Amino acid sequence: MIDQATLITYLAILLGFVFIPGPAVVLTLARATGSGTRVGIATGLGIAAGDIVHTAMTIVGLSAVILASAFLFNVIKYLGAAYLVYLGIRAILERTDLNVMPETATLTPARAFRQAILAEVLNPKSAMFFLAFLPQFVQPQNGAVPLQLAILGLLFVLMGLVSTMTVAISAGEVGRFLRRNPVILRWQGKVIGSIYCALGLRLALQER
């Protein structure tokens, strides 16, 4: 098992990582503001599920294979970037019918969950983070390395989930206010879509 000193250090560092606004927080905020608390929560859960996949990939060594190949890295990177830009363009071009009740016009939680999983799994920066960060806190003398990686990865997922849930719950209240104001409603899709596109472009321009 992981010793107490290592675990405390790891958790302290994680606090800085998960509560500094990054792509996961921005995506959750955009979803919750645009479509409500439930969709924001579903997005956070989807991101957490995607991080569980990255933890599993790190354990079995698939992340190392991806990062060792420039071709595979670029394939995954550009797929993830293209998907985020696709979501952004759809949000920008989508026409908002002000006569439709907000509850029926918004994205469903199930769809938001699936999209968030795919966006996170296709983000090679996450794979690189898990591969580079988790092993630093693994000590072979403390027991099975795969078990230690699993514990560290799940702790990251749980703390990240707390962060995105906090964002989703608070942003949902703001979203309800925005959807009651037609002028803001007309522009929120364009703003949110621009956020998605910016995240996608940031990922596409990321250096290996």
Protein backbone atom coordinates (compact mmCIF):
# COMPACT_ATOMS: atom_id res chain seq x y z
CA MET A 1 0.00 0.00 0.00
CA ILE A 2 1.00 3.64 -0.45
CA ASP A 3 2.69 5.11 2.63
CA GLN A 4 1.03 7.99 4.46
CA ALA A 5 3.64 10.65 3.65
CA THR A 6 3.47 9.92 -0.08
CA LEU A 7 -0.33 9.93 -0.02
CA ILE A 8 -0.54 13.28 1.78
CA THR A 9 1.91 14.85 -0.68
CA TYR A 10 -0.04 13.46 -3.63
CA LEU A 11 -3.38 14.77 -2.32
CA ALA A 12 -1.92 18.22 -1.64
CA ILE A 13 -0.64 18.46 -5.22
CA LEU A 14 -3.98 17.22 -6.56
CA LEU A 15 -5.81 20.06 -4.80
CA GLY A 16 -3.89 22.48 -6.97
CA PHE A 17 -4.47 20.51 -10.15
CA VAL A 18 -8.21 19.90 -9.93
CA PHE A 19 -9.29 23.31 -8.64
CA ILE A 20 -7.28 25.37 -11.12
CA PRO A 21 -9.64 26.07 -14.06
CA GLY A 22 -8.67 23.78 -16.92
CA PRO A 23 -10.46 22.15 -19.89
CA ALA A 24 -12.56 19.86 -17.65
CA VAL A 25 -13.76 22.74 -15.48
CA VAL A 26 -14.40 24.99 -18.49
CA LEU A 27 -16.34 22.27 -20.31
CA THR A 28 -18.46 21.53 -17.23
CA LEU A 29 -19.11 25.23 -16.66
CA ALA A 30 -20.18 25.73 -20.27
CA ARG A 31 -22.51 22.71 -20.20
CA ALA A 32 -24.10 23.62 -16.87
CA THR A 33 -24.57 27.27 -17.83
CA GLY A 34 -26.04 26.40 -21.20
CA SER A 35 -28.21 23.42 -20.32
CA GLY A 36 -28.64 23.30 -16.55
CA THR A 37 -27.28 21.58 -13.47
CA ARG A 38 -28.16 18.00 -14.48
CA VAL A 39 -26.30 18.31 -17.77
CA GLY A 40 -23.33 19.88 -15.96
CA ILE A 41 -23.28 17.02 -13.48
CA ALA A 42 -23.54 14.49 -16.32
CA THR A 43 -20.59 16.21 -18.03
CA GLY A 44 -18.53 15.98 -14.86
CA LEU A 45 -19.39 12.30 -14.52
CA GLY A 46 -18.43 11.71 -18.16
CA ILE A 47 -15.05 13.38 -17.63
CA ALA A 48 -14.51 11.20 -14.54
CA ALA A 49 -15.37 8.09 -16.55
CA GLY A 50 -12.89 9.14 -19.23
CA ASP A 51 -10.20 9.57 -16.57
CA ILE A 52 -10.92 6.07 -15.29
CA VAL A 53 -10.20 4.85 -18.83
CA HIS A 54 -6.88 6.74 -18.79
CA THR A 55 -6.03 5.19 -15.42
CA ALA A 56 -6.70 1.73 -16.81
CA MET A 57 -4.61 2.52 -19.92
CA THR A 58 -1.74 3.67 -17.73
CA ILE A 59 -1.89 0.46 -15.71
CA VAL A 60 -1.78 -1.84 -18.72
CA GLY A 61 0.77 0.28 -20.56
CA LEU A 62 -1.34 1.51 -23.48
CA SER A 63 -0.60 5.13 -22.65
CA ALA A 64 3.11 4.39 -22.98
CA VAL A 65 2.52 2.87 -26.41
CA ILE A 66 0.57 5.93 -27.59
CA LEU A 67 3.15 8.38 -26.28
CA ALA A 68 6.04 6.40 -27.76
CA SER A 69 4.57 6.79 -31.25
CA ALA A 70 4.41 10.26 -32.75
CA PHE A 71 1.90 9.00 -35.32
CA LEU A 72 -0.51 7.52 -32.77
CA PHE A 73 -0.15 10.57 -30.54
CA ASN A 74 -1.07 12.89 -33.39
CA VAL A 75 -4.00 10.70 -34.47
CA ILE A 76 -5.50 10.76 -30.97
CA LYS A 77 -4.74 14.47 -30.55
CA TYR A 78 -6.39 15.56 -33.79
CA LEU A 79 -9.42 13.29 -33.27
CA GLY A 80 -10.00 14.88 -29.87
CA ALA A 81 -9.48 18.41 -31.22
CA ALA A 82 -11.80 17.78 -34.18
CA TYR A 83 -14.52 16.45 -31.88
CA LEU A 84 -14.39 19.52 -29.62
CA VAL A 85 -14.46 21.87 -32.63
CA TYR A 86 -17.39 19.89 -34.06
CA LEU A 87 -19.34 20.37 -30.82
CA GLY A 88 -18.47 24.07 -30.87
CA ILE A 89 -19.59 24.64 -34.48
CA ARG A 90 -22.86 22.82 -33.78
CA ALA A 91 -23.51 25.05 -30.77
CA ILE A 92 -22.66 28.22 -32.75
CA LEU A 93 -24.89 27.33 -35.72
CA GLU A 94 -27.80 25.93 -33.74
CA ARG A 95 -30.87 28.17 -33.91
CA THR A 96 -32.63 28.84 -30.61
CA ASP A 97 -36.41 28.78 -30.59
CA LEU A 98 -37.46 31.18 -27.87
CA ASN A 99 -40.99 29.74 -27.90
CA VAL A 100 -39.71 26.36 -26.79
CA MET A 101 -39.48 25.72 -23.06
CA PRO A 102 -35.86 25.65 -21.91
CA GLU A 103 -36.20 22.15 -20.51
CA THR A 104 -37.04 20.72 -23.96
CA ALA A 105 -34.46 22.78 -25.84
CA THR A 106 -31.44 21.79 -23.81
CA LEU A 107 -28.99 18.94 -24.20
CA THR A 108 -29.98 15.73 -22.41
CA PRO A 109 -27.79 14.50 -19.50
CA ALA A 110 -27.28 11.11 -21.19
CA ARG A 111 -25.94 12.73 -24.35
CA ALA A 112 -23.76 15.14 -22.39
CA PHE A 113 -22.33 12.19 -20.45
CA ARG A 114 -21.43 10.30 -23.64
CA GLN A 115 -19.89 13.37 -25.26
CA ALA A 116 -17.79 14.15 -22.18
CA ILE A 117 -16.44 10.59 -22.03
CA LEU A 118 -15.43 10.71 -25.68
CA ALA A 119 -13.87 14.18 -25.40
CA GLU A 120 -11.80 13.14 -22.38
CA VAL A 121 -10.71 9.75 -23.72
CA LEU A 122 -9.57 11.37 -27.00
CA ASN A 123 -7.45 13.95 -25.16
CA PRO A 124 -3.80 12.77 -25.32
CA LYS A 125 -2.84 15.44 -22.79
CA SER A 126 -4.78 13.47 -20.19
CA ALA A 127 -2.98 10.26 -21.20
CA MET A 128 0.34 12.08 -20.95
CA PHE A 129 -0.57 13.49 -17.54
CA PHE A 130 -1.51 10.13 -16.09
CA LEU A 131 1.58 8.45 -17.53
CA ALA A 132 3.98 11.15 -16.35
CA PHE A 133 2.39 12.08 -13.01
CA LEU A 134 1.11 8.88 -11.36
CA PRO A 135 4.36 6.85 -11.50
CA GLN A 136 6.17 9.57 -9.53
CA PHE A 137 4.27 8.47 -6.43
CA VAL A 138 4.68 4.73 -6.93
CA GLN A 139 7.23 2.93 -4.79
CA PRO A 140 7.79 -0.76 -5.63
CA GLN A 141 8.65 -1.56 -2.01
CA ASN A 142 5.11 -0.58 -1.00
CA GLY A 143 3.51 -3.45 -2.89
CA ALA A 144 1.98 -4.19 -6.29
CA VAL A 145 2.64 -1.34 -8.71
CA PRO A 146 -0.65 -1.79 -10.64
CA LEU A 147 -2.59 -1.51 -7.37
CA GLN A 148 -0.77 1.67 -6.42
CA LEU A 149 -1.45 3.17 -9.87
CA ALA A 150 -5.12 2.25 -9.54
CA ILE A 151 -5.41 3.93 -6.13
CA LEU A 152 -3.64 7.08 -7.30
CA GLY A 153 -5.73 7.26 -10.46
CA LEU A 154 -9.03 6.79 -8.62
CA LEU A 155 -8.09 9.46 -6.08
CA PHE A 156 -7.46 11.85 -8.96
CA VAL A 157 -10.84 10.94 -10.48
CA LEU A 158 -12.66 11.48 -7.17
CA MET A 159 -11.07 14.87 -6.50
CA GLY A 160 -11.68 15.96 -10.07
CA LEU A 161 -15.30 14.90 -9.70
CA VAL A 162 -15.70 17.03 -6.57
CA SER A 163 -14.33 19.99 -8.53
CA THR A 164 -16.62 19.54 -11.56
CA MET A 165 -19.67 18.84 -9.38
CA THR A 166 -19.07 22.08 -7.48
CA VAL A 167 -18.81 23.98 -10.76
CA ALA A 168 -21.89 22.27 -12.23
CA ILE A 169 -24.12 22.95 -9.23
CA SER A 170 -23.19 26.63 -8.93
CA ALA A 171 -23.22 27.27 -12.69
CA GLY A 172 -26.65 25.67 -13.08
CA GLU A 173 -28.22 28.48 -11.07
CA VAL A 174 -26.61 31.00 -13.40
CA GLY A 175 -27.84 29.00 -16.39
CA ARG A 176 -31.45 29.13 -15.23
CA PHE A 177 -31.22 32.91 -15.01
CA LEU A 178 -29.69 33.16 -18.48
CA ARG A 179 -32.37 31.00 -20.08
CA ARG A 180 -35.08 33.30 -18.71
CA ASN A 181 -33.56 36.21 -20.63
CA PRO A 182 -34.18 35.97 -24.40
CA VAL A 183 -31.35 38.30 -25.47
CA ILE A 184 -28.77 36.34 -23.50
CA LEU A 185 -30.33 33.09 -24.69
CA ARG A 186 -29.76 34.07 -28.34
CA TRP A 187 -26.04 34.53 -27.72
CA GLN A 188 -25.21 31.82 -25.20
CA GLY A 189 -24.91 29.11 -27.86
CA LYS A 190 -22.36 31.18 -29.77
CA VAL A 191 -20.36 31.88 -26.61
CA ILE A 192 -20.42 28.26 -25.48
CA GLY A 193 -19.59 27.06 -28.99
CA SER A 194 -16.63 29.42 -29.09
CA ILE A 195 -15.38 27.90 -25.81
CA TYR A 196 -15.55 24.40 -27.32
CA CYS A 197 -13.70 25.55 -30.45
CA ALA A 198 -11.03 27.26 -28.35
CA LEU A 199 -10.50 24.07 -26.33
CA GLY A 200 -10.24 22.07 -29.55
CA LEU A 201 -7.73 24.47 -31.10
CA ARG A 202 -5.70 24.50 -27.90
CA LEU A 203 -5.51 20.71 -28.02
CA ALA A 204 -4.63 20.68 -31.73
CA LEU A 205 -1.76 23.15 -31.21
CA GLN A 206 -0.42 21.29 -28.18
CA GLU A 207 3.17 20.17 -28.59
CA ARG A 208 4.01 16.52 -28.03
